[in-house]
Protein backbone atom coordinates (compact mmCIF):
# COMPACT_ATOMS: atom_id res chain seq x y z
CA UNK A 1 -18.41 30.19 -22.33
CA UNK A 2 -18.07 28.76 -25.82
CA UNK A 3 -21.46 28.53 -27.51
CA UNK A 4 -21.90 26.02 -30.32
CA UNK A 5 -25.12 25.18 -32.15
CA UNK A 6 -26.20 22.41 -29.78
CA UNK A 7 -23.55 22.40 -27.04
CA UNK A 8 -22.24 24.99 -24.61
CA UNK A 9 -18.76 24.70 -23.12
CA UNK A 10 -17.42 26.50 -20.06
CA UNK A 11 -13.78 26.20 -19.02
CA UNK A 12 -12.93 27.50 -15.55
CA UNK A 13 -9.32 26.72 -14.68
CA UNK A 14 -9.02 22.95 -14.09
CA UNK A 15 -12.74 22.32 -14.64
CA UNK A 16 -14.65 22.17 -17.92
CA UNK A 17 -18.41 21.82 -18.14
CA UNK A 18 -20.17 20.64 -21.29
CA UNK A 19 -23.91 21.33 -21.57
CA UNK A 20 -26.06 19.47 -24.07
CA UNK A 21 -28.21 22.30 -25.39
CA UNK A 22 -31.29 21.14 -27.28
CA UNK A 23 -33.73 21.50 -24.37
CA UNK A 24 -36.77 21.64 -26.66
CA UNK A 25 -35.83 18.12 -27.86
CA UNK A 26 -34.81 16.89 -24.39
CA UNK A 27 -31.23 17.15 -25.63
CA UNK A 28 -31.65 14.41 -28.22
CA UNK A 29 -28.34 13.87 -30.01
CA UNK A 30 -28.60 14.94 -33.63
CA UNK A 31 -25.72 15.00 -36.16
CA UNK A 32 -24.91 18.60 -35.29
CA UNK A 33 -24.58 17.72 -31.59
CA UNK A 34 -22.17 14.94 -32.50
CA UNK A 35 -20.05 17.41 -34.46
CA UNK A 36 -20.26 19.93 -31.63
CA UNK A 37 -19.19 17.36 -29.03
CA UNK A 38 -16.04 16.59 -31.02
CA UNK A 39 -15.35 20.32 -31.24
CA UNK A 40 -15.91 20.76 -27.50
CA UNK A 41 -13.49 17.94 -26.67
CA UNK A 42 -10.96 19.50 -29.07
CA UNK A 43 -11.28 22.83 -27.24
CA UNK A 44 -10.75 21.22 -23.84
CA UNK A 45 -7.62 19.43 -25.01
CA UNK A 46 -6.29 22.60 -26.64
CA UNK A 47 -6.90 24.63 -23.47
CA UNK A 48 -4.62 22.36 -21.44
CA UNK A 49 -4.70 21.99 -17.67
CA UNK A 50 -8.26 20.65 -17.42
CA UNK A 51 -8.49 17.87 -14.83
CA UNK A 52 -12.26 17.37 -14.58
CA UNK A 53 -14.89 17.47 -17.34
CA UNK A 54 -18.52 17.62 -16.22
CA UNK A 55 -21.20 16.70 -18.78
CA UNK A 56 -24.79 17.71 -18.13
CA UNK A 57 -27.93 18.81 -19.93
CA UNK A 58 -29.66 22.18 -20.15
CA UNK A 59 -33.36 22.20 -19.33
CA UNK A 60 -35.20 19.24 -17.83
CA UNK A 61 -33.19 16.43 -19.42
CA UNK A 62 -29.67 15.03 -19.59
CA UNK A 63 -30.31 13.44 -22.99
CA UNK A 64 -33.17 11.44 -24.44
CA UNK A 65 -30.70 9.62 -26.69
CA UNK A 66 -30.26 9.70 -30.44
CA UNK A 67 -32.51 11.91 -32.53
CA UNK A 68 -34.20 9.01 -34.32
CA UNK A 69 -35.36 11.07 -37.27
CA UNK A 70 -32.16 13.02 -37.99
CA UNK A 71 -29.70 10.21 -37.25
CA UNK A 72 -31.56 7.23 -38.68
CA UNK A 73 -34.71 7.92 -40.71
CA UNK A 74 -33.53 10.86 -42.81
CA UNK A 75 -30.12 9.52 -43.95
CA UNK A 76 -31.12 5.84 -44.24
CA UNK A 77 -31.70 5.75 -48.00
CA UNK A 78 -28.16 7.03 -48.62
CA UNK A 79 -25.80 4.40 -47.19
CA UNK A 80 -22.72 6.64 -47.28
CA UNK A 81 -24.54 9.52 -45.61
CA UNK A 82 -25.96 7.15 -42.99
CA UNK A 83 -22.49 5.75 -42.28
CA UNK A 84 -20.84 9.20 -42.05
CA UNK A 85 -23.63 10.61 -39.90
CA UNK A 86 -23.30 7.95 -37.24
CA UNK A 87 -19.51 7.61 -37.44
CA UNK A 88 -19.22 11.11 -35.92
CA UNK A 89 -21.19 9.92 -32.90
CA UNK A 90 -19.13 6.78 -32.49
CA UNK A 91 -15.95 8.85 -32.67
CA UNK A 92 -16.76 11.13 -29.74
CA UNK A 93 -18.14 8.29 -27.64
CA UNK A 94 -14.76 6.56 -27.96
CA UNK A 95 -12.91 9.79 -27.29
CA UNK A 96 -14.95 10.36 -24.15
CA UNK A 97 -14.16 6.88 -22.85
CA UNK A 98 -10.41 7.45 -23.31
CA UNK A 99 -10.31 11.17 -22.43
CA UNK A 100 -7.24 12.09 -20.35
CA UNK A 101 -9.17 14.25 -17.85
CA UNK A 102 -11.60 12.73 -15.35
CA UNK A 103 -15.10 12.76 -16.85
CA UNK A 104 -18.16 13.18 -14.63
CA UNK A 105 -21.77 12.79 -15.80
CA UNK A 106 -24.14 15.11 -13.95
CA UNK A 107 -27.46 13.54 -14.85
CA UNK A 108 -30.81 15.30 -14.66
CA UNK A 109 -34.29 14.48 -15.94
CA UNK A 110 -34.11 11.77 -18.60
CA UNK A 111 -31.15 9.66 -19.78
CA UNK A 112 -32.20 7.24 -22.50
CA UNK A 113 -30.14 5.35 -25.10
CA UNK A 114 -27.18 7.60 -25.88
CA UNK A 115 -27.76 9.48 -22.63
CA UNK A 116 -27.55 6.20 -20.73
CA UNK A 117 -24.41 5.37 -22.70
CA UNK A 118 -22.66 8.67 -21.94
CA UNK A 119 -23.41 8.14 -18.24
CA UNK A 120 -21.78 4.72 -18.47
CA UNK A 121 -18.79 5.96 -20.46
CA UNK A 122 -17.91 8.70 -17.98
CA UNK A 123 -15.47 7.82 -15.22
CA UNK A 124 -17.84 9.03 -12.50
CA UNK A 125 -21.53 9.91 -12.42
CA UNK A 126 -23.94 11.74 -10.14
CA UNK A 127 -27.68 11.85 -10.72
CA UNK A 128 -30.78 13.13 -9.08
CA UNK A 129 -32.85 10.43 -7.41
CA UNK A 130 -35.72 11.16 -9.78
CA UNK A 131 -33.80 10.66 -13.05
CA UNK A 132 -35.26 8.09 -15.40
CA UNK A 133 -32.68 5.97 -17.21
CA UNK A 134 -33.71 3.68 -20.01
CA UNK A 135 -32.76 1.65 -23.05
CA UNK A 136 -35.72 2.03 -25.35
CA UNK A 137 -34.11 0.44 -28.43
CA UNK A 138 -35.97 -2.85 -27.98
CA UNK A 139 -39.21 -0.86 -28.26
CA UNK A 140 -38.43 0.15 -31.85
CA UNK A 141 -37.03 -3.18 -32.93
CA UNK A 142 -33.27 -3.08 -32.36
CA UNK A 143 -30.83 -3.67 -29.51
CA UNK A 144 -28.65 -0.97 -27.89
CA UNK A 145 -25.74 -0.40 -30.26
CA UNK A 146 -22.94 2.07 -30.89
CA UNK A 147 -21.39 1.18 -27.54
CA UNK A 148 -24.61 1.36 -25.52
CA UNK A 149 -24.62 -2.37 -24.76
CA UNK A 150 -20.95 -2.09 -23.78
CA UNK A 151 -21.82 0.72 -21.34
CA UNK A 152 -24.62 -1.34 -19.79
CA UNK A 153 -22.50 -4.49 -19.60
CA UNK A 154 -19.65 -2.68 -17.86
CA UNK A 155 -21.81 -0.81 -15.34
CA UNK A 156 -24.67 -3.12 -14.35
CA UNK A 157 -24.74 -6.71 -13.07
CA UNK A 158 -25.55 -9.27 -15.78
CA UNK A 159 -29.17 -9.97 -14.80
CA UNK A 160 -29.98 -6.27 -14.47
CA UNK A 161 -28.21 -5.39 -17.71
CA UNK A 162 -30.13 -8.01 -19.66
CA UNK A 163 -33.41 -7.05 -17.98
CA UNK A 164 -33.22 -3.43 -19.12
CA UNK A 165 -31.85 -4.34 -22.57
CA UNK A 166 -34.61 -6.89 -23.21
CA UNK A 167 -37.63 -5.14 -21.65
CA UNK A 168 -37.05 -1.45 -22.31
CA UNK A 169 -38.14 -0.71 -18.74
CA UNK A 170 -36.82 2.40 -17.00
CA UNK A 171 -34.82 2.65 -13.79
CA UNK A 172 -34.60 5.57 -11.38
CA UNK A 173 -31.55 7.39 -10.13
CA UNK A 174 -31.80 5.49 -6.85
CA UNK A 175 -31.77 2.16 -8.71
CA UNK A 176 -28.87 3.37 -10.86
CA UNK A 177 -26.88 4.00 -7.70
CA UNK A 178 -27.79 0.57 -6.33
CA UNK A 179 -26.67 -1.18 -9.54
CA UNK A 180 -23.49 0.88 -9.97
CA UNK A 181 -24.36 3.03 -12.99
CA UNK A 182 -23.89 6.19 -10.91
CA UNK A 183 -21.72 6.82 -7.87
CA UNK A 184 -24.37 8.83 -6.06
CA UNK A 185 -28.06 9.67 -6.46
CA UNK A 186 -29.20 12.73 -4.55
CA UNK A 187 -32.33 14.86 -4.27
CA UNK A 188 -32.61 17.18 -7.29
CA UNK A 189 -31.78 20.30 -5.27
CA UNK A 190 -28.48 18.71 -4.17
CA UNK A 191 -27.23 17.68 -7.62
CA UNK A 192 -25.10 20.80 -8.15
CA UNK A 193 -23.53 20.64 -4.69
CA UNK A 194 -22.71 16.92 -4.89
CA UNK A 195 -21.11 17.34 -8.31
CA UNK A 196 -19.06 20.29 -7.04
CA UNK A 197 -17.95 18.23 -4.05
CA UNK A 198 -16.57 15.50 -6.31
CA UNK A 199 -14.97 17.98 -8.70
CA UNK A 200 -13.30 19.63 -5.70
CA UNK A 201 -11.67 16.33 -4.79
CA UNK A 202 -10.40 15.79 -8.33
CA UNK A 203 -8.90 19.19 -9.15
CA UNK A 204 -6.38 19.21 -6.29
CA UNK A 205 -4.77 16.00 -7.53
CA UNK A 206 -1.75 15.63 -9.81
CA UNK A 207 -3.08 15.59 -13.42
CA UNK A 208 -0.49 13.04 -14.57
CA UNK A 209 -1.49 10.74 -11.74
CA UNK A 210 -5.17 11.10 -12.62
CA UNK A 211 -4.58 10.22 -16.26
CA UNK A 212 -2.29 7.26 -15.57
CA UNK A 213 -4.56 5.94 -12.80
CA UNK A 214 -7.35 5.74 -15.38
CA UNK A 215 -5.06 3.95 -17.83
CA UNK A 216 -3.93 1.42 -15.23
CA UNK A 217 -7.51 0.68 -14.21
CA UNK A 218 -8.69 0.12 -17.78
CA UNK A 219 -5.72 -2.03 -18.78
CA UNK A 220 -5.68 -4.20 -15.69
CA UNK A 221 -9.30 -5.23 -16.16
CA UNK A 222 -8.01 -7.42 -19.00
CA UNK A 223 -4.88 -8.85 -17.31
CA UNK A 224 -4.03 -11.58 -14.86
CA UNK A 225 -2.21 -10.53 -11.68
CA UNK A 226 1.43 -11.01 -12.81
CA UNK A 227 0.82 -9.09 -16.04
CA UNK A 228 -1.12 -6.41 -14.16
CA UNK A 229 1.78 -5.92 -11.75
CA UNK A 230 4.25 -5.64 -14.64
CA UNK A 231 2.00 -3.05 -16.28
CA UNK A 232 1.37 -0.95 -13.19
CA UNK A 233 5.07 -0.94 -12.26
CA UNK A 234 5.94 0.37 -15.72
CA UNK A 235 3.28 3.06 -15.38
CA UNK A 236 4.59 3.97 -11.92
CA UNK A 237 8.04 4.62 -13.39
CA UNK A 238 6.40 6.65 -16.16
CA UNK A 239 4.50 8.67 -13.57
CA UNK A 240 7.65 9.31 -11.55
CA UNK A 241 9.50 10.57 -14.61
CA UNK A 242 6.68 12.78 -15.89
CA UNK A 243 5.96 14.33 -12.48
CA UNK A 244 9.57 14.77 -11.32
CA UNK A 245 9.00 12.19 -8.57
CA UNK A 246 6.38 14.40 -6.92
CA UNK A 247 5.00 11.50 -4.91
CA UNK A 248 8.40 11.12 -3.20
CA UNK A 249 9.76 14.68 -3.27
CA UNK A 250 6.56 16.42 -2.22
CA UNK A 251 3.86 14.03 -1.01
CA UNK A 252 5.90 11.66 1.14
CA UNK A 253 8.15 14.43 2.43
CA UNK A 254 5.01 16.21 3.66
CA UNK A 255 3.88 12.96 5.25
CA UNK A 256 7.28 12.53 6.93
CA UNK A 257 6.71 15.91 8.58
CA UNK A 258 3.21 14.75 9.58
CA UNK A 259 1.67 17.60 7.57
CA UNK A 260 -1.22 15.33 6.55
CA UNK A 261 -2.57 11.80 6.83
CA UNK A 262 -2.91 10.05 3.44
CA UNK A 263 -5.93 8.06 4.61
CA UNK A 264 -7.83 11.26 5.38
CA UNK A 265 -6.66 13.93 2.94
CA UNK A 266 -4.34 14.71 0.04
CA UNK A 267 -0.95 16.38 0.12
CA UNK A 268 -0.64 20.04 -0.86
CA UNK A 269 0.33 20.76 -4.45
CA UNK A 270 1.63 24.13 -5.62
CA UNK A 271 -0.75 24.10 -8.61
CA UNK A 272 -3.60 22.16 -6.98
CA UNK A 273 -6.28 24.58 -8.20
CA UNK A 274 -4.73 25.53 -11.52
């Protein structure tokens, strides 16, 4: 366990878990947390071999969003300080979106503003059914910014996205599952087990394949079909080179011997759990 001022980090083989750790403030994101998150992501990249990164909150909240006093009120009169303070947050949000490992939000309690955004930026998300998500920015006179509107736009249908942006109303974990913000909403006592189940499916996969699969998905959302095929074929050749043709030499050779059925399970990798 690596303990920072506002974030704890645990790396266990192919799995890293980041804990927001300001429980007395419902894990509101202050400037120190933004610095700590960049440091935590640095540590994960330096460790190497991490395939899944789980982000969750200590205490009874995932994150209540930005610390409005420390991030906005206090530095506002100094434009350069205000800019630098919030640039740190914007940096790690973008890093999280493009992180090479699979990112999984494990959402408990409250997820407002920045907490909503982090849920939307992660590749996958699991929440308890009783979580309250919200975009409260409209209630203090602004719109969701710093990527928050992007996260809503890319995770919720248009009418629902605009409803929560414009009203400030909350939605539950069950509604978040219905709208596509989270993959699964479960009873609170099943949140750990469901997250572990998903992590277990990720960590036995080829890490190069995981990273390139994410890249292909993100890029092809902006391409027409011919361009998308050109892109994914180039990435397939890249994958083959970087993984020594594992999909042919290992996976399909195992299939040829009927050692597994691809529609039901994954092939066996020598380093699946490492």
